[in-house]
Amino acid sequence: MADKQPATLRVFFALWPDRALQTALHRLGSRLSADCGGHAMRPETLHLTLAFIGALPVYQLQQLYAAAAQISSPAFDWQIDRVGYWCRNQILWAGTSQPPAALTSLTSRLHAALNDAGLAFDDSKPFAPHITLLRKARCEQPIPPPRALYWQVREFVLVQSETTAEGTNYRVMRRWPLM
């Protein structure tokens, strides 16, 4: 008997670092957990969310692919030179002191394409580009800036999120190049 396909998929658009950058970000998070505690994100789960879709009916997947395919945006370099902490969410994150204009433009174009296609996504909060390093952290001291990491952003991806007894797993479903 074949496995029944789910009626919905939990998905989001993201920037997905290569393995070397994921490893460097994980090391940074592990170092910071000595002072802040918390649970370090697994290296293979580190990413920057561009648009969280949530539960998408499977029948809308092709519509989502078509909306993303309309995006024309330049590739860019991103300097990760800042670490921050959100007390309310207990999240320690890595980001930038100056988001690249191309990142802001990519996000705006993606959000516009999703709106034009009539696809719902969570845009309730202003876009704050970050990569979650630690969850359930408690940082009581100021966090010094890290040694800068550099990311050559050449694509964006659609990711499926699956929650299991072992935790959350991410699977890149499709990739779109940046020119």
N, C-alpha and C. Protein backbone atom coordinates (compact mmCIF):
# COMPACT_ATOMS: atom_id res chain seq x y z
N MET A 1 0.84 -1.18 0.00
CA MET A 1 0.00 0.00 0.00
C MET A 1 0.89 1.25 0.00
N ALA A 2 0.60 2.19 -0.86
CA ALA A 2 1.41 3.41 -0.99
C ALA A 2 1.12 4.36 0.17
N ASP A 3 2.15 5.14 0.55
CA ASP A 3 1.97 6.15 1.58
C ASP A 3 1.01 7.21 1.06
N LYS A 4 0.12 7.66 1.94
CA LYS A 4 -0.81 8.72 1.56
C LYS A 4 -0.07 10.06 1.56
N GLN A 5 -0.25 10.85 0.49
CA GLN A 5 0.36 12.17 0.40
C GLN A 5 -0.34 13.12 1.37
N PRO A 6 0.41 13.99 2.04
CA PRO A 6 -0.23 14.96 2.93
C PRO A 6 -1.04 15.97 2.12
N ALA A 7 -2.09 16.50 2.74
CA ALA A 7 -2.93 17.51 2.08
C ALA A 7 -2.24 18.87 2.06
N THR A 8 -1.36 19.10 3.04
CA THR A 8 -0.61 20.35 3.11
C THR A 8 0.86 20.06 3.38
N LEU A 9 1.68 21.02 3.00
CA LEU A 9 3.11 20.99 3.31
C LEU A 9 3.45 22.27 4.05
N ARG A 10 4.27 22.17 5.07
CA ARG A 10 4.74 23.36 5.80
C ARG A 10 6.01 23.84 5.10
N VAL A 11 5.95 25.04 4.50
CA VAL A 11 7.06 25.50 3.65
C VAL A 11 7.42 26.96 3.94
N PHE A 12 8.63 27.31 3.52
CA PHE A 12 9.09 28.70 3.60
C PHE A 12 10.17 28.93 2.55
N PHE A 13 10.33 30.19 2.14
CA PHE A 13 11.42 30.58 1.25
C PHE A 13 12.58 31.04 2.12
N ALA A 14 13.80 30.72 1.66
CA ALA A 14 14.97 31.04 2.48
C ALA A 14 16.21 31.24 1.62
N LEU A 15 17.22 31.80 2.26
CA LEU A 15 18.58 31.74 1.74
C LEU A 15 19.24 30.60 2.50
N TRP A 16 19.93 29.74 1.76
CA TRP A 16 20.49 28.52 2.34
C TRP A 16 22.01 28.54 2.21
N PRO A 17 22.73 28.70 3.33
CA PRO A 17 24.20 28.77 3.24
C PRO A 17 24.81 27.44 2.81
N ASP A 18 25.99 27.52 2.22
CA ASP A 18 26.69 26.28 1.88
C ASP A 18 27.21 25.64 3.17
N ARG A 19 27.70 24.42 3.04
CA ARG A 19 28.12 23.65 4.21
C ARG A 19 29.22 24.35 5.02
N ALA A 20 30.17 24.97 4.34
CA ALA A 20 31.27 25.64 5.06
C ALA A 20 30.73 26.78 5.93
N LEU A 21 29.81 27.57 5.39
CA LEU A 21 29.24 28.66 6.18
C LEU A 21 28.35 28.12 7.29
N GLN A 22 27.57 27.08 7.01
CA GLN A 22 26.75 26.47 8.06
C GLN A 22 27.65 26.01 9.22
N THR A 23 28.79 25.40 8.89
CA THR A 23 29.72 24.93 9.92
C THR A 23 30.27 26.10 10.72
N ALA A 24 30.67 27.18 10.04
CA ALA A 24 31.21 28.36 10.73
C ALA A 24 30.15 28.99 11.64
N LEU A 25 28.91 29.08 11.16
CA LEU A 25 27.83 29.64 11.97
C LEU A 25 27.54 28.75 13.18
N HIS A 26 27.58 27.44 12.98
CA HIS A 26 27.34 26.51 14.08
C HIS A 26 28.44 26.65 15.14
N ARG A 27 29.68 26.79 14.70
CA ARG A 27 30.79 27.00 15.65
C ARG A 27 30.57 28.28 16.46
N LEU A 28 30.15 29.33 15.78
CA LEU A 28 29.88 30.59 16.46
C LEU A 28 28.79 30.39 17.52
N GLY A 29 27.70 29.74 17.14
CA GLY A 29 26.61 29.48 18.09
C GLY A 29 27.07 28.62 19.26
N SER A 30 27.87 27.62 18.99
CA SER A 30 28.37 26.74 20.06
C SER A 30 29.25 27.52 21.04
N ARG A 31 30.10 28.41 20.51
CA ARG A 31 30.93 29.25 21.39
C ARG A 31 30.06 30.15 22.27
N LEU A 32 29.04 30.73 21.66
CA LEU A 32 28.18 31.65 22.41
C LEU A 32 27.30 30.94 23.43
N SER A 33 27.02 29.66 23.20
CA SER A 33 26.19 28.92 24.15
C SER A 33 26.90 28.74 25.49
N ALA A 34 28.23 28.86 25.51
CA ALA A 34 28.97 28.79 26.78
C ALA A 34 28.54 29.92 27.72
N ASP A 35 28.24 31.10 27.16
CA ASP A 35 27.81 32.25 27.97
C ASP A 35 26.29 32.37 28.08
N CYS A 36 25.59 31.95 27.04
CA CYS A 36 24.15 32.20 26.98
C CYS A 36 23.30 30.95 27.17
N GLY A 37 23.94 29.78 27.22
CA GLY A 37 23.15 28.55 27.32
C GLY A 37 22.34 28.35 26.06
N GLY A 38 21.27 27.62 26.19
CA GLY A 38 20.39 27.39 25.05
C GLY A 38 20.79 26.19 24.23
N HIS A 39 20.01 25.95 23.21
CA HIS A 39 20.21 24.82 22.32
C HIS A 39 20.70 25.33 20.97
N ALA A 40 21.88 24.87 20.57
CA ALA A 40 22.43 25.27 19.27
C ALA A 40 21.63 24.61 18.15
N MET A 41 21.38 25.37 17.11
CA MET A 41 20.74 24.82 15.92
C MET A 41 21.72 23.86 15.25
N ARG A 42 21.21 22.79 14.71
CA ARG A 42 22.07 21.86 13.95
C ARG A 42 22.58 22.58 12.71
N PRO A 43 23.83 22.34 12.30
CA PRO A 43 24.39 23.07 11.16
C PRO A 43 23.51 22.98 9.91
N GLU A 44 22.95 21.82 9.64
CA GLU A 44 22.17 21.62 8.42
C GLU A 44 20.82 22.33 8.45
N THR A 45 20.47 22.96 9.57
CA THR A 45 19.20 23.69 9.65
C THR A 45 19.38 25.20 9.61
N LEU A 46 20.61 25.67 9.57
CA LEU A 46 20.87 27.12 9.60
C LEU A 46 20.50 27.75 8.26
N HIS A 47 19.73 28.83 8.32
CA HIS A 47 19.23 29.49 7.11
C HIS A 47 18.73 30.89 7.47
N LEU A 48 18.40 31.66 6.45
CA LEU A 48 17.77 32.97 6.63
C LEU A 48 16.40 32.90 5.95
N THR A 49 15.33 33.04 6.72
CA THR A 49 13.98 32.98 6.18
C THR A 49 13.64 34.28 5.45
N LEU A 50 13.16 34.14 4.21
CA LEU A 50 12.72 35.29 3.41
C LEU A 50 11.21 35.49 3.53
N ALA A 51 10.46 34.38 3.51
CA ALA A 51 9.00 34.44 3.62
C ALA A 51 8.51 33.10 4.16
N PHE A 52 7.78 33.16 5.27
CA PHE A 52 7.22 31.94 5.86
C PHE A 52 5.81 31.75 5.32
N ILE A 53 5.60 30.65 4.62
CA ILE A 53 4.29 30.36 4.03
C ILE A 53 3.42 29.60 5.03
N GLY A 54 4.01 28.64 5.72
CA GLY A 54 3.25 27.81 6.65
C GLY A 54 2.62 26.64 5.91
N ALA A 55 1.43 26.25 6.33
CA ALA A 55 0.75 25.09 5.74
C ALA A 55 0.18 25.46 4.37
N LEU A 56 0.79 24.94 3.34
CA LEU A 56 0.37 25.21 1.96
C LEU A 56 -0.36 23.99 1.42
N PRO A 57 -1.59 24.15 0.92
CA PRO A 57 -2.24 23.02 0.27
C PRO A 57 -1.38 22.52 -0.89
N VAL A 58 -1.22 21.22 -1.00
CA VAL A 58 -0.35 20.63 -2.02
C VAL A 58 -0.77 21.10 -3.42
N TYR A 59 -2.06 21.28 -3.65
CA TYR A 59 -2.51 21.70 -4.98
C TYR A 59 -2.00 23.09 -5.35
N GLN A 60 -1.52 23.89 -4.39
CA GLN A 60 -1.00 25.23 -4.69
C GLN A 60 0.51 25.25 -4.91
N LEU A 61 1.15 24.10 -4.86
CA LEU A 61 2.61 24.05 -4.97
C LEU A 61 3.09 24.59 -6.32
N GLN A 62 2.45 24.21 -7.41
CA GLN A 62 2.87 24.71 -8.74
C GLN A 62 2.68 26.22 -8.84
N GLN A 63 1.64 26.73 -8.23
CA GLN A 63 1.39 28.17 -8.20
C GLN A 63 2.52 28.88 -7.43
N LEU A 64 2.97 28.27 -6.35
CA LEU A 64 4.08 28.82 -5.57
C LEU A 64 5.37 28.81 -6.38
N TYR A 65 5.64 27.70 -7.06
CA TYR A 65 6.83 27.61 -7.93
C TYR A 65 6.80 28.70 -9.01
N ALA A 66 5.63 28.90 -9.61
CA ALA A 66 5.50 29.89 -10.69
C ALA A 66 5.75 31.31 -10.16
N ALA A 67 5.24 31.60 -8.96
CA ALA A 67 5.46 32.93 -8.38
C ALA A 67 6.95 33.16 -8.13
N ALA A 68 7.64 32.16 -7.60
CA ALA A 68 9.08 32.30 -7.33
C ALA A 68 9.88 32.43 -8.62
N ALA A 69 9.46 31.75 -9.66
CA ALA A 69 10.18 31.79 -10.93
C ALA A 69 10.15 33.17 -11.57
N GLN A 70 9.20 34.01 -11.17
CA GLN A 70 9.10 35.37 -11.72
C GLN A 70 10.14 36.32 -11.13
N ILE A 71 10.79 35.91 -10.05
CA ILE A 71 11.72 36.80 -9.36
C ILE A 71 13.00 36.96 -10.17
N SER A 72 13.33 38.20 -10.45
CA SER A 72 14.60 38.52 -11.09
C SER A 72 15.33 39.46 -10.13
N SER A 73 16.42 38.96 -9.58
CA SER A 73 17.14 39.74 -8.58
C SER A 73 18.62 39.40 -8.67
N PRO A 74 19.49 40.36 -8.38
CA PRO A 74 20.92 40.10 -8.52
C PRO A 74 21.48 39.25 -7.37
N ALA A 75 22.52 38.49 -7.68
CA ALA A 75 23.30 37.82 -6.64
C ALA A 75 24.00 38.91 -5.82
N PHE A 76 24.37 38.59 -4.60
CA PHE A 76 25.01 39.60 -3.76
C PHE A 76 25.88 38.93 -2.70
N ASP A 77 26.73 39.74 -2.10
CA ASP A 77 27.56 39.29 -0.99
C ASP A 77 26.99 39.87 0.29
N TRP A 78 27.04 39.07 1.35
CA TRP A 78 26.49 39.49 2.63
C TRP A 78 27.53 39.27 3.71
N GLN A 79 27.80 40.32 4.46
CA GLN A 79 28.75 40.22 5.57
C GLN A 79 27.97 40.02 6.87
N ILE A 80 28.20 38.90 7.52
CA ILE A 80 27.56 38.60 8.80
C ILE A 80 28.53 39.08 9.88
N ASP A 81 28.18 40.20 10.52
CA ASP A 81 29.13 40.84 11.43
C ASP A 81 28.50 41.25 12.76
N ARG A 82 27.36 40.67 13.05
CA ARG A 82 26.64 41.09 14.25
C ARG A 82 25.94 39.88 14.86
N VAL A 83 25.87 39.87 16.18
CA VAL A 83 25.10 38.87 16.91
C VAL A 83 24.13 39.62 17.80
N GLY A 84 22.91 39.14 17.86
CA GLY A 84 21.90 39.79 18.69
C GLY A 84 21.11 38.77 19.49
N TYR A 85 20.29 39.28 20.40
CA TYR A 85 19.50 38.42 21.28
C TYR A 85 18.11 39.02 21.44
N TRP A 86 17.10 38.19 21.21
CA TRP A 86 15.72 38.59 21.44
C TRP A 86 15.27 37.92 22.73
N CYS A 87 15.12 38.72 23.79
CA CYS A 87 14.76 38.19 25.12
C CYS A 87 13.43 37.45 25.10
N ARG A 88 12.43 38.07 24.49
CA ARG A 88 11.08 37.51 24.51
C ARG A 88 11.05 36.11 23.92
N ASN A 89 11.76 35.92 22.80
CA ASN A 89 11.78 34.62 22.13
C ASN A 89 12.92 33.73 22.59
N GLN A 90 13.83 34.30 23.37
CA GLN A 90 15.04 33.59 23.85
C GLN A 90 15.86 33.05 22.67
N ILE A 91 16.01 33.89 21.66
CA ILE A 91 16.75 33.50 20.45
C ILE A 91 18.00 34.36 20.32
N LEU A 92 19.12 33.68 20.13
CA LEU A 92 20.37 34.35 19.81
C LEU A 92 20.59 34.17 18.32
N TRP A 93 20.89 35.25 17.62
CA TRP A 93 20.95 35.22 16.16
C TRP A 93 22.20 35.91 15.63
N ALA A 94 22.53 35.58 14.40
CA ALA A 94 23.60 36.25 13.66
C ALA A 94 22.96 37.06 12.54
N GLY A 95 23.54 38.21 12.28
CA GLY A 95 23.00 39.07 11.23
C GLY A 95 24.05 40.06 10.77
N THR A 96 23.56 41.21 10.38
CA THR A 96 24.46 42.21 9.81
C THR A 96 24.13 43.59 10.36
N SER A 97 25.14 44.42 10.43
CA SER A 97 24.91 45.79 10.85
C SER A 97 24.31 46.61 9.71
N GLN A 98 24.51 46.17 8.48
CA GLN A 98 23.98 46.88 7.30
C GLN A 98 23.48 45.86 6.27
N PRO A 99 22.16 45.57 6.25
CA PRO A 99 21.66 44.61 5.26
C PRO A 99 21.92 45.11 3.84
N PRO A 100 22.39 44.23 2.96
CA PRO A 100 22.61 44.64 1.57
C PRO A 100 21.29 45.05 0.91
N ALA A 101 21.35 46.08 0.09
CA ALA A 101 20.16 46.53 -0.62
C ALA A 101 19.57 45.40 -1.46
N ALA A 102 20.42 44.54 -2.01
CA ALA A 102 19.93 43.43 -2.83
C ALA A 102 19.11 42.43 -2.02
N LEU A 103 19.42 42.27 -0.74
CA LEU A 103 18.64 41.38 0.12
C LEU A 103 17.26 41.96 0.37
N THR A 104 17.22 43.24 0.68
CA THR A 104 15.94 43.91 0.90
C THR A 104 15.09 43.88 -0.37
N SER A 105 15.72 44.10 -1.52
CA SER A 105 15.03 44.07 -2.80
C SER A 105 14.49 42.67 -3.11
N LEU A 106 15.31 41.65 -2.89
CA LEU A 106 14.87 40.27 -3.13
C LEU A 106 13.64 39.95 -2.28
N THR A 107 13.68 40.30 -1.02
CA THR A 107 12.56 40.02 -0.13
C THR A 107 11.31 40.76 -0.58
N SER A 108 11.45 42.03 -0.95
CA SER A 108 10.30 42.81 -1.43
C SER A 108 9.71 42.20 -2.70
N ARG A 109 10.56 41.80 -3.62
CA ARG A 109 10.08 41.20 -4.87
C ARG A 109 9.38 39.87 -4.62
N LEU A 110 9.94 39.08 -3.72
CA LEU A 110 9.31 37.79 -3.40
C LEU A 110 7.95 38.01 -2.75
N HIS A 111 7.87 38.92 -1.80
CA HIS A 111 6.59 39.20 -1.14
C HIS A 111 5.56 39.72 -2.15
N ALA A 112 5.99 40.58 -3.07
CA ALA A 112 5.07 41.10 -4.09
C ALA A 112 4.58 39.98 -5.00
N ALA A 113 5.48 39.09 -5.41
CA ALA A 113 5.09 37.97 -6.28
C ALA A 113 4.10 37.05 -5.57
N LEU A 114 4.31 36.80 -4.28
CA LEU A 114 3.38 35.96 -3.52
C LEU A 114 2.02 36.65 -3.40
N ASN A 115 2.02 37.95 -3.11
CA ASN A 115 0.76 38.70 -3.03
C ASN A 115 0.03 38.68 -4.37
N ASP A 116 0.76 38.94 -5.47
CA ASP A 116 0.15 38.96 -6.80
C ASP A 116 -0.47 37.62 -7.16
N ALA A 117 0.14 36.53 -6.68
CA ALA A 117 -0.37 35.19 -6.97
C ALA A 117 -1.49 34.78 -6.01
N GLY A 118 -1.79 35.64 -5.04
CA GLY A 118 -2.85 35.33 -4.08
C GLY A 118 -2.45 34.27 -3.07
N LEU A 119 -1.14 34.13 -2.84
CA LEU A 119 -0.64 33.12 -1.90
C LEU A 119 -0.41 33.76 -0.53
N ALA A 120 -0.99 33.16 0.49
CA ALA A 120 -0.87 33.71 1.84
C ALA A 120 0.49 33.39 2.44
N PHE A 121 1.03 34.34 3.16
CA PHE A 121 2.28 34.13 3.90
C PHE A 121 2.28 35.07 5.10
N ASP A 122 3.14 34.77 6.06
CA ASP A 122 3.19 35.58 7.28
C ASP A 122 4.05 36.82 7.05
N ASP A 123 3.38 37.95 6.91
CA ASP A 123 4.11 39.22 6.78
C ASP A 123 3.71 40.16 7.91
N SER A 124 3.37 39.56 9.07
CA SER A 124 2.90 40.35 10.20
C SER A 124 4.01 41.14 10.88
N LYS A 125 5.27 40.73 10.68
CA LYS A 125 6.40 41.43 11.30
C LYS A 125 7.27 42.02 10.21
N PRO A 126 7.92 43.15 10.50
CA PRO A 126 8.85 43.69 9.51
C PRO A 126 10.01 42.71 9.30
N PHE A 127 10.54 42.68 8.09
CA PHE A 127 11.64 41.78 7.77
C PHE A 127 12.88 42.18 8.55
N ALA A 128 13.41 41.26 9.33
CA ALA A 128 14.63 41.47 10.13
C ALA A 128 15.59 40.33 9.78
N PRO A 129 16.47 40.54 8.79
CA PRO A 129 17.32 39.44 8.33
C PRO A 129 18.22 38.91 9.44
N HIS A 130 18.08 37.61 9.72
CA HIS A 130 18.86 36.98 10.78
C HIS A 130 18.93 35.48 10.55
N ILE A 131 19.90 34.87 11.19
CA ILE A 131 20.05 33.41 11.20
C ILE A 131 20.02 32.99 12.66
N THR A 132 19.03 32.20 13.05
CA THR A 132 18.93 31.74 14.43
C THR A 132 20.07 30.77 14.72
N LEU A 133 20.85 31.09 15.76
CA LEU A 133 21.96 30.24 16.18
C LEU A 133 21.61 29.39 17.39
N LEU A 134 20.91 30.00 18.37
CA LEU A 134 20.55 29.32 19.62
C LEU A 134 19.09 29.57 19.94
N ARG A 135 18.42 28.55 20.43
CA ARG A 135 17.06 28.68 20.97
C ARG A 135 17.13 28.47 22.48
N LYS A 136 16.17 29.05 23.20
CA LYS A 136 16.10 28.95 24.66
C LYS A 136 17.38 29.45 25.32
N ALA A 137 17.94 30.51 24.75
CA ALA A 137 19.16 31.12 25.30
C ALA A 137 18.78 32.16 26.35
N ARG A 138 19.73 32.48 27.20
CA ARG A 138 19.56 33.55 28.20
C ARG A 138 20.86 34.33 28.25
N CYS A 139 20.88 35.43 27.54
CA CYS A 139 22.09 36.27 27.48
C CYS A 139 21.92 37.44 28.43
N GLU A 140 22.76 37.49 29.43
CA GLU A 140 22.66 38.55 30.43
C GLU A 140 23.73 39.61 30.25
N GLN A 141 24.74 39.33 29.46
CA GLN A 141 25.84 40.26 29.21
C GLN A 141 25.76 40.72 27.76
N PRO A 142 26.28 41.90 27.46
CA PRO A 142 26.36 42.31 26.05
C PRO A 142 27.19 41.29 25.26
N ILE A 143 26.78 41.06 24.04
CA ILE A 143 27.47 40.09 23.19
C ILE A 143 28.43 40.84 22.28
N PRO A 144 29.72 40.54 22.36
CA PRO A 144 30.66 41.25 21.48
C PRO A 144 30.46 40.85 20.03
N PRO A 145 30.76 41.75 19.10
CA PRO A 145 30.61 41.41 17.69
C PRO A 145 31.54 40.25 17.32
N PRO A 146 31.07 39.35 16.49
CA PRO A 146 31.91 38.22 16.08
C PRO A 146 32.89 38.63 14.98
N ARG A 147 33.84 37.76 14.70
CA ARG A 147 34.67 37.95 13.50
C ARG A 147 33.72 37.79 12.31
N ALA A 148 33.81 38.68 11.36
CA ALA A 148 32.87 38.69 10.23
C ALA A 148 32.97 37.40 9.41
N LEU A 149 31.80 36.94 8.98
CA LEU A 149 31.69 35.82 8.05
C LEU A 149 31.13 36.37 6.75
N TYR A 150 31.52 35.81 5.64
CA TYR A 150 31.09 36.32 4.34
C TYR A 150 30.29 35.25 3.60
N TRP A 151 29.17 35.68 3.02
CA TRP A 151 28.26 34.78 2.33
C TRP A 151 28.05 35.31 0.93
N GLN A 152 28.39 34.51 -0.06
CA GLN A 152 28.08 34.84 -1.45
C GLN A 152 26.72 34.24 -1.76
N VAL A 153 25.70 35.07 -1.79
CA VAL A 153 24.33 34.62 -1.99
C VAL A 153 24.07 34.54 -3.49
N ARG A 154 23.82 33.34 -3.98
CA ARG A 154 23.66 33.12 -5.41
C ARG A 154 22.32 32.49 -5.78
N GLU A 155 21.50 32.18 -4.77
CA GLU A 155 20.20 31.55 -5.03
C GLU A 155 19.30 31.71 -3.81
N PHE A 156 18.01 31.49 -4.03
CA PHE A 156 17.08 31.35 -2.92
C PHE A 156 16.34 30.03 -3.12
N VAL A 157 15.76 29.51 -2.04
CA VAL A 157 15.21 28.16 -2.07
C VAL A 157 13.83 28.12 -1.42
N LEU A 158 13.08 27.07 -1.77
CA LEU A 158 11.85 26.73 -1.07
C LEU A 158 12.16 25.51 -0.21
N VAL A 159 11.80 25.59 1.06
CA VAL A 159 12.14 24.55 2.03
C VAL A 159 10.87 23.98 2.64
N GLN A 160 10.85 22.66 2.77
CA GLN A 160 9.78 21.98 3.50
C GLN A 160 10.27 21.71 4.91
N SER A 161 9.44 22.01 5.89
CA SER A 161 9.75 21.79 7.29
C SER A 161 8.90 20.62 7.79
N GLU A 162 9.57 19.62 8.36
CA GLU A 162 8.86 18.46 8.91
C GLU A 162 9.26 18.29 10.36
N THR A 163 8.27 18.22 11.23
CA THR A 163 8.54 18.00 12.65
C THR A 163 8.34 16.53 12.97
N THR A 164 9.38 15.95 13.58
CA THR A 164 9.33 14.55 13.98
C THR A 164 9.63 14.47 15.48
N ALA A 165 9.60 13.27 16.02
CA ALA A 165 9.93 13.07 17.44
C ALA A 165 11.37 13.50 17.73
N GLU A 166 12.25 13.42 16.73
CA GLU A 166 13.65 13.79 16.91
C GLU A 166 13.90 15.29 16.74
N GLY A 167 12.93 16.03 16.27
CA GLY A 167 13.10 17.46 16.05
C GLY A 167 12.60 17.87 14.68
N THR A 168 12.97 19.07 14.28
CA THR A 168 12.54 19.61 12.99
C THR A 168 13.60 19.32 11.94
N ASN A 169 13.15 18.85 10.80
CA ASN A 169 14.03 18.59 9.66
C ASN A 169 13.59 19.47 8.50
N TYR A 170 14.57 19.94 7.74
CA TYR A 170 14.31 20.77 6.58
C TYR A 170 14.78 20.06 5.33
N ARG A 171 13.99 20.21 4.27
CA ARG A 171 14.35 19.64 2.97
C ARG A 171 14.18 20.71 1.91
N VAL A 172 15.27 21.02 1.21
CA VAL A 172 15.18 21.99 0.11
C VAL A 172 14.41 21.33 -1.03
N MET A 173 13.30 21.95 -1.42
CA MET A 173 12.44 21.39 -2.46
C MET A 173 12.82 21.90 -3.84
N ARG A 174 13.19 23.17 -3.92
CA ARG A 174 13.51 23.77 -5.21
C ARG A 174 14.41 24.97 -5.00
N ARG A 175 15.23 25.26 -6.04
CA ARG A 175 16.19 26.37 -5.99
C ARG A 175 15.95 27.30 -7.18
N TRP A 176 16.16 28.61 -6.95
CA TRP A 176 16.08 29.60 -8.02
C TRP A 176 17.35 30.44 -7.99
N PRO A 177 18.02 30.56 -9.12
CA PRO A 177 19.28 31.33 -9.13
C PRO A 177 19.02 32.83 -9.07
N LEU A 178 19.98 33.53 -8.50
CA LEU A 178 20.02 34.99 -8.55
C LEU A 178 21.05 35.35 -9.61
N MET A 179 20.76 36.35 -10.40
CA MET A 179 21.63 36.67 -11.55
C MET A 179 22.65 37.74 -11.22
